[in-house]
Amino acid sequence: MNIGQRIAQARGFNRLTQGQLADALSVTVQTVSNWERGRRMPDADSIRQLCVIMHISADWLLGLSDEAGLK
């Protein structure tokens, strides 16, 4: 599973739309969509924010761990 698939999975677990996640991150819906489709990669600050907002570990998001840390 790649980072985009993990973002989509965590977003679904947290019951967030792409729009809600985009608003929380102060990015566009298109940005979130591009991440989830693998067209773009989030920068380091966005990765940190994704982890905080969706209660996931950076290691899981980056594919370094199978332990999501989802709460």
PDB file of N, CA and C in Angstrom:
ATOM      1  N   MET A   1       0.856  -1.175   0.000  1.00  0.00           N
ATOM      2  CA  MET A   1       0.000   0.000   0.000  1.00  0.00           C
ATOM      3  C   MET A   1       0.900   1.235   0.000  1.00  0.00           C
ATOM      4  N   ASN A   2       0.590   2.199  -0.870  1.00  0.00           N
ATOM      5  CA  ASN A   2       1.409   3.405  -0.939  1.00  0.00           C
ATOM      6  C   ASN A   2       0.844   4.509  -0.030  1.00  0.00           C
ATOM      7  N   ILE A   3       1.550   5.621   0.045  1.00  0.00           N
ATOM      8  CA  ILE A   3       1.156   6.700   0.953  1.00  0.00           C
ATOM      9  C   ILE A   3      -0.232   7.252   0.607  1.00  0.00           C
ATOM     10  N   GLY A   4      -0.541   7.344  -0.669  1.00  0.00           N
ATOM     11  CA  GLY A   4      -1.853   7.844  -1.061  1.00  0.00           C
ATOM     12  C   GLY A   4      -2.976   6.931  -0.596  1.00  0.00           C
ATOM     13  N   GLN A   5      -2.777   5.636  -0.740  1.00  0.00           N
ATOM     14  CA  GLN A   5      -3.771   4.673  -0.279  1.00  0.00           C
ATOM     15  C   GLN A   5      -3.919   4.735   1.239  1.00  0.00           C
ATOM     16  N   ARG A   6      -2.817   4.964   1.928  1.00  0.00           N
ATOM     17  CA  ARG A   6      -2.869   5.060   3.393  1.00  0.00           C
ATOM     18  C   ARG A   6      -3.593   6.337   3.837  1.00  0.00           C
ATOM     19  N   ILE A   7      -3.382   7.437   3.109  1.00  0.00           N
ATOM     20  CA  ILE A   7      -4.106   8.669   3.430  1.00  0.00           C
ATOM     21  C   ILE A   7      -5.606   8.431   3.252  1.00  0.00           C
ATOM     22  N   ALA A   8      -5.978   7.816   2.139  1.00  0.00           N
ATOM     23  CA  ALA A   8      -7.393   7.545   1.874  1.00  0.00           C
ATOM     24  C   ALA A   8      -7.989   6.614   2.937  1.00  0.00           C
ATOM     25  N   GLN A   9      -7.239   5.592   3.319  1.00  0.00           N
ATOM     26  CA  GLN A   9      -7.723   4.651   4.330  1.00  0.00           C
ATOM     27  C   GLN A   9      -7.925   5.348   5.672  1.00  0.00           C
ATOM     28  N   ALA A  10      -6.955   6.131   6.089  1.00  0.00           N
ATOM     29  CA  ALA A  10      -7.053   6.841   7.370  1.00  0.00           C
ATOM     30  C   ALA A  10      -8.180   7.875   7.326  1.00  0.00           C
ATOM     31  N   ARG A  11      -8.347   8.530   6.188  1.00  0.00           N
ATOM     32  CA  ARG A  11      -9.424   9.507   6.042  1.00  0.00           C
ATOM     33  C   ARG A  11     -10.770   8.823   6.197  1.00  0.00           C
ATOM     34  N   GLY A  12     -10.914   7.655   5.580  1.00  0.00           N
ATOM     35  CA  GLY A  12     -12.152   6.887   5.704  1.00  0.00           C
ATOM     36  C   GLY A  12     -12.408   6.442   7.132  1.00  0.00           C
ATOM     37  N   PHE A  13     -11.364   5.975   7.802  1.00  0.00           N
ATOM     38  CA  PHE A  13     -11.495   5.536   9.184  1.00  0.00           C
ATOM     39  C   PHE A  13     -11.965   6.690  10.066  1.00  0.00           C
ATOM     40  N   ASN A  14     -11.471   7.890   9.767  1.00  0.00           N
ATOM     41  CA  ASN A  14     -11.829   9.081  10.542  1.00  0.00           C
ATOM     42  C   ASN A  14     -13.112   9.753  10.046  1.00  0.00           C
ATOM     43  N   ARG A  15     -13.720   9.148   9.027  1.00  0.00           N
ATOM     44  CA  ARG A  15     -14.981   9.651   8.469  1.00  0.00           C
ATOM     45  C   ARG A  15     -14.870  11.110   8.019  1.00  0.00           C
ATOM     46  N   LEU A  16     -13.798  11.378   7.308  1.00  0.00           N
ATOM     47  CA  LEU A  16     -13.573  12.716   6.762  1.00  0.00           C
ATOM     48  C   LEU A  16     -13.716  12.678   5.253  1.00  0.00           C
ATOM     49  N   THR A  17     -14.335  13.692   4.701  1.00  0.00           N
ATOM     50  CA  THR A  17     -14.343  13.834   3.249  1.00  0.00           C
ATOM     51  C   THR A  17     -13.012  14.450   2.828  1.00  0.00           C
ATOM     52  N   GLN A  18     -12.729  14.388   1.539  1.00  0.00           N
ATOM     53  CA  GLN A  18     -11.524  15.056   1.052  1.00  0.00           C
ATOM     54  C   GLN A  18     -11.601  16.547   1.366  1.00  0.00           C
ATOM     55  N   GLY A  19     -12.779  17.124   1.258  1.00  0.00           N
ATOM     56  CA  GLY A  19     -12.957  18.547   1.547  1.00  0.00           C
ATOM     57  C   GLY A  19     -12.687  18.891   2.991  1.00  0.00           C
ATOM     58  N   GLN A  20     -13.168  18.052   3.902  1.00  0.00           N
ATOM     59  CA  GLN A  20     -12.936  18.297   5.327  1.00  0.00           C
ATOM     60  C   GLN A  20     -11.452  18.191   5.661  1.00  0.00           C
ATOM     61  N   LEU A  21     -10.795  17.186   5.100  1.00  0.00           N
ATOM     62  CA  LEU A  21      -9.362  17.032   5.344  1.00  0.00           C
ATOM     63  C   LEU A  21      -8.591  18.201   4.746  1.00  0.00           C
ATOM     64  N   ALA A  22      -8.971  18.597   3.547  1.00  0.00           N
ATOM     65  CA  ALA A  22      -8.314  19.736   2.898  1.00  0.00           C
ATOM     66  C   ALA A  22      -8.453  20.995   3.747  1.00  0.00           C
ATOM     67  N   ASP A  23      -9.653  21.249   4.274  1.00  0.00           N
ATOM     68  CA  ASP A  23      -9.873  22.424   5.126  1.00  0.00           C
ATOM     69  C   ASP A  23      -8.999  22.363   6.377  1.00  0.00           C
ATOM     70  N   ALA A  24      -8.920  21.191   6.992  1.00  0.00           N
ATOM     71  CA  ALA A  24      -8.119  21.039   8.215  1.00  0.00           C
ATOM     72  C   ALA A  24      -6.635  21.276   7.949  1.00  0.00           C
ATOM     73  N   LEU A  25      -6.200  20.966   6.724  1.00  0.00           N
ATOM     74  CA  LEU A  25      -4.793  21.115   6.356  1.00  0.00           C
ATOM     75  C   LEU A  25      -4.496  22.445   5.661  1.00  0.00           C
ATOM     76  N   SER A  26      -5.537  23.214   5.386  1.00  0.00           N
ATOM     77  CA  SER A  26      -5.409  24.473   4.637  1.00  0.00           C
ATOM     78  C   SER A  26      -4.795  24.249   3.257  1.00  0.00           C
ATOM     79  N   VAL A  27      -5.279  23.193   2.593  1.00  0.00           N
ATOM     80  CA  VAL A  27      -4.901  22.909   1.212  1.00  0.00           C
ATOM     81  C   VAL A  27      -6.184  22.748   0.404  1.00  0.00           C
ATOM     82  N   THR A  28      -6.066  22.574  -0.896  1.00  0.00           N
ATOM     83  CA  THR A  28      -7.246  22.388  -1.736  1.00  0.00           C
ATOM     84  C   THR A  28      -7.659  20.913  -1.761  1.00  0.00           C
ATOM     85  N   VAL A  29      -8.910  20.694  -2.141  1.00  0.00           N
ATOM     86  CA  VAL A  29      -9.394  19.330  -2.328  1.00  0.00           C
ATOM     87  C   VAL A  29      -8.565  18.637  -3.399  1.00  0.00           C
ATOM     88  N   GLN A  30      -8.175  19.380  -4.419  1.00  0.00           N
ATOM     89  CA  GLN A  30      -7.358  18.818  -5.491  1.00  0.00           C
ATOM     90  C   GLN A  30      -6.019  18.302  -4.964  1.00  0.00           C
ATOM     91  N   THR A  31      -5.457  19.001  -3.984  1.00  0.00           N
ATOM     92  CA  THR A  31      -4.196  18.552  -3.386  1.00  0.00           C
ATOM     93  C   THR A  31      -4.379  17.208  -2.704  1.00  0.00           C
ATOM     94  N   VAL A  32      -5.429  17.081  -1.897  1.00  0.00           N
ATOM     95  CA  VAL A  32      -5.703  15.809  -1.213  1.00  0.00           C
ATOM     96  C   VAL A  32      -5.949  14.711  -2.244  1.00  0.00           C
ATOM     97  N   SER A  33      -6.725  15.013  -3.261  1.00  0.00           N
ATOM     98  CA  SER A  33      -6.993  14.047  -4.322  1.00  0.00           C
ATOM     99  C   SER A  33      -5.701  13.606  -5.005  1.00  0.00           C
ATOM    100  N   ASN A  34      -4.829  14.549  -5.299  1.00  0.00           N
ATOM    101  CA  ASN A  34      -3.546  14.210  -5.936  1.00  0.00           C
ATOM    102  C   ASN A  34      -2.691  13.319  -5.047  1.00  0.00           C
ATOM    103  N   TRP A  35      -2.698  13.575  -3.740  1.00  0.00           N
ATOM    104  CA  TRP A  35      -1.953  12.704  -2.819  1.00  0.00           C
ATOM    105  C   TRP A  35      -2.516  11.289  -2.866  1.00  0.00           C
ATOM    106  N   GLU A  36      -3.852  11.193  -2.763  1.00  0.00           N
ATOM    107  CA  GLU A  36      -4.485   9.880  -2.712  1.00  0.00           C
ATOM    108  C   GLU A  36      -4.317   9.113  -4.012  1.00  0.00           C
ATOM    109  N   ARG A  37      -4.230   9.790  -5.125  1.00  0.00           N
ATOM    110  CA  ARG A  37      -4.041   9.133  -6.424  1.00  0.00           C
ATOM    111  C   ARG A  37      -2.576   8.870  -6.745  1.00  0.00           C
ATOM    112  N   GLY A  38      -1.674   9.333  -5.885  1.00  0.00           N
ATOM    113  CA  GLY A  38      -0.256   9.121  -6.109  1.00  0.00           C
ATOM    114  C   GLY A  38       0.359  10.061  -7.121  1.00  0.00           C
ATOM    115  N   ARG A  39      -0.345  11.118  -7.459  1.00  0.00           N
ATOM    116  CA  ARG A  39       0.181  12.093  -8.417  1.00  0.00           C
ATOM    117  C   ARG A  39       1.151  13.070  -7.774  1.00  0.00           C
ATOM    118  N   ARG A  40       0.983  13.291  -6.502  1.00  0.00           N
ATOM    119  CA  ARG A  40       1.849  14.197  -5.732  1.00  0.00           C
ATOM    120  C   ARG A  40       2.103  13.558  -4.369  1.00  0.00           C
ATOM    121  N   MET A  41       3.154  14.057  -3.716  1.00  0.00           N
ATOM    122  CA  MET A  41       3.482  13.596  -2.365  1.00  0.00           C
ATOM    123  C   MET A  41       3.334  14.767  -1.400  1.00  0.00           C
ATOM    124  N   PRO A  42       2.789  14.519  -0.215  1.00  0.00           N
ATOM    125  CA  PRO A  42       2.726  15.597   0.779  1.00  0.00           C
ATOM    126  C   PRO A  42       4.124  15.953   1.258  1.00  0.00           C
ATOM    127  N   ASP A  43       4.322  17.232   1.589  1.00  0.00           N
ATOM    128  CA  ASP A  43       5.618  17.646   2.137  1.00  0.00           C
ATOM    129  C   ASP A  43       5.687  17.249   3.613  1.00  0.00           C
ATOM    130  N   ALA A  44       6.832  17.470   4.226  1.00  0.00           N
ATOM    131  CA  ALA A  44       7.062  17.034   5.605  1.00  0.00           C
ATOM    132  C   ALA A  44       6.064  17.647   6.580  1.00  0.00           C
ATOM    133  N   ASP A  45       5.759  18.926   6.432  1.00  0.00           N
ATOM    134  CA  ASP A  45       4.810  19.561   7.338  1.00  0.00           C
ATOM    135  C   ASP A  45       3.411  18.982   7.154  1.00  0.00           C
ATOM    136  N   SER A  46       3.026  18.710   5.923  1.00  0.00           N
ATOM    137  CA  SER A  46       1.710  18.111   5.665  1.00  0.00           C
ATOM    138  C   SER A  46       1.633  16.708   6.244  1.00  0.00           C
ATOM    139  N   ILE A  47       2.715  15.953   6.163  1.00  0.00           N
ATOM    140  CA  ILE A  47       2.746  14.609   6.762  1.00  0.00           C
ATOM    141  C   ILE A  47       2.533  14.712   8.270  1.00  0.00           C
ATOM    142  N   ARG A  48       3.214  15.658   8.903  1.00  0.00           N
ATOM    143  CA  ARG A  48       3.040  15.851  10.345  1.00  0.00           C
ATOM    144  C   ARG A  48       1.597  16.191  10.667  1.00  0.00           C
ATOM    145  N   GLN A  49       1.008  17.116   9.898  1.00  0.00           N
ATOM    146  CA  GLN A  49      -0.376  17.521  10.137  1.00  0.00           C
ATOM    147  C   GLN A  49      -1.347  16.364   9.892  1.00  0.00           C
ATOM    148  N   LEU A  50      -1.111  15.583   8.843  1.00  0.00           N
ATOM    149  CA  LEU A  50      -1.953  14.421   8.564  1.00  0.00           C
ATOM    150  C   LEU A  50      -1.965  13.460   9.751  1.00  0.00           C
ATOM    151  N   CYS A  51      -0.795  13.227  10.317  1.00  0.00           N
ATOM    152  CA  CYS A  51      -0.685  12.308  11.451  1.00  0.00           C
ATOM    153  C   CYS A  51      -1.440  12.826  12.665  1.00  0.00           C
ATOM    154  N   VAL A  52      -1.327  14.108  12.934  1.00  0.00           N
ATOM    155  CA  VAL A  52      -2.016  14.703  14.092  1.00  0.00           C
ATOM    156  C   VAL A  52      -3.525  14.687  13.872  1.00  0.00           C
ATOM    157  N   ILE A  53      -3.967  15.138  12.719  1.00  0.00           N
ATOM    158  CA  ILE A  53      -5.399  15.248  12.434  1.00  0.00           C
ATOM    159  C   ILE A  53      -6.080  13.880  12.419  1.00  0.00           C
ATOM    160  N   MET A  54      -5.413  12.891  11.835  1.00  0.00           N
ATOM    161  CA  MET A  54      -6.051  11.583  11.673  1.00  0.00           C
ATOM    162  C   MET A  54      -5.588  10.545  12.685  1.00  0.00           C
ATOM    163  N   HIS A  55      -4.769  10.970  13.657  1.00  0.00           N
ATOM    164  CA  HIS A  55      -4.340  10.082  14.751  1.00  0.00           C
ATOM    165  C   HIS A  55      -3.644   8.826  14.234  1.00  0.00           C
ATOM    166  N   ILE A  56      -2.687   9.041  13.337  1.00  0.00           N
ATOM    167  CA  ILE A  56      -1.918   7.932  12.779  1.00  0.00           C
ATOM    168  C   ILE A  56      -0.437   8.186  13.005  1.00  0.00           C
ATOM    169  N   SER A  57       0.341   7.128  12.923  1.00  0.00           N
ATOM    170  CA  SER A  57       1.785   7.299  13.086  1.00  0.00           C
ATOM    171  C   SER A  57       2.415   7.631  11.736  1.00  0.00           C
ATOM    172  N   ALA A  58       3.460   8.426  11.774  1.00  0.00           N
ATOM    173  CA  ALA A  58       4.190   8.768  10.547  1.00  0.00           C
ATOM    174  C   ALA A  58       4.826   7.512   9.953  1.00  0.00           C
ATOM    175  N   ASP A  59       5.290   6.605  10.804  1.00  0.00           N
ATOM    176  CA  ASP A  59       5.882   5.368  10.296  1.00  0.00           C
ATOM    177  C   ASP A  59       4.877   4.579   9.467  1.00  0.00           C
ATOM    178  N   TRP A  60       3.635   4.494   9.945  1.00  0.00           N
ATOM    179  CA  TRP A  60       2.606   3.778   9.189  1.00  0.00           C
ATOM    180  C   TRP A  60       2.311   4.507   7.880  1.00  0.00           C
ATOM    181  N   LEU A  61       2.131   5.815   7.967  1.00  0.00           N
ATOM    182  CA  LEU A  61       1.804   6.598   6.782  1.00  0.00           C
ATOM    183  C   LEU A  61       2.871   6.441   5.699  1.00  0.00           C
ATOM    184  N   LEU A  62       4.117   6.382   6.104  1.00  0.00           N
ATOM    185  CA  LEU A  62       5.224   6.263   5.164  1.00  0.00           C
ATOM    186  C   LEU A  62       5.532   4.819   4.773  1.00  0.00           C
ATOM    187  N   GLY A  63       4.789   3.874   5.316  1.00  0.00           N
ATOM    188  CA  GLY A  63       4.989   2.476   4.965  1.00  0.00           C
ATOM    189  C   GLY A  63       6.123   1.803   5.702  1.00  0.00           C
ATOM    190  N   LEU A  64       6.570   2.398   6.803  1.00  0.00           N
ATOM    191  CA  LEU A  64       7.674   1.837   7.568  1.00  0.00           C
ATOM    192  C   LEU A  64       7.195   0.886   8.662  1.00  0.00           C
ATOM    193  N   SER A  65       5.886   0.882   8.898  1.00  0.00           N
ATOM    194  CA  SER A  65       5.301   0.057   9.951  1.00  0.00           C
ATOM    195  C   SER A  65       3.918  -0.403   9.513  1.00  0.00           C
ATOM    196  N   ASP A  66       3.513  -1.556  10.017  1.00  0.00           N
ATOM    197  CA  ASP A  66       2.158  -2.033   9.776  1.00  0.00           C
ATOM    198  C   ASP A  66       1.204  -1.556  10.864  1.00  0.00           C
ATOM    199  N   GLU A  67       1.742  -0.906  11.874  1.00  0.00           N
ATOM    200  CA  GLU A  67       0.967  -0.435  13.020  1.00  0.00           C
ATOM    201  C   GLU A  67       0.518   0.994  12.756  1.00  0.00           C
ATOM    202  N   ALA A  68      -0.783   1.170  12.456  1.00  0.00           N
ATOM    203  CA  ALA A  68      -1.293   2.472  12.069  1.00  0.00           C
ATOM    204  C   ALA A  68      -1.358   3.457  13.234  1.00  0.00           C
ATOM    205  N   GLY A  69      -1.601   2.963  14.413  1.00  0.00           N
ATOM    206  CA  GLY A  69      -1.772   3.869  15.535  1.00  0.00           C
ATOM    207  C   GLY A  69      -3.134   4.532  15.522  1.00  0.00           C
ATOM    208  N   LEU A  70      -4.077   4.005  14.726  1.00  0.00           N
ATOM    209  CA  LEU A  70      -5.417   4.574  14.664  1.00  0.00           C
ATOM    210  C   LEU A  70      -6.100   4.406  16.006  1.00  0.00           C
ATOM    211  N   LYS A  71      -6.748   5.483  16.432  1.00  0.00           N
ATOM    212  CA  LYS A  71      -7.421   5.456  17.729  1.00  0.00           C
ATOM    213  C   LYS A  71      -8.910   5.538  17.550  1.00  0.00           C
TER     214      LYS A  71
END
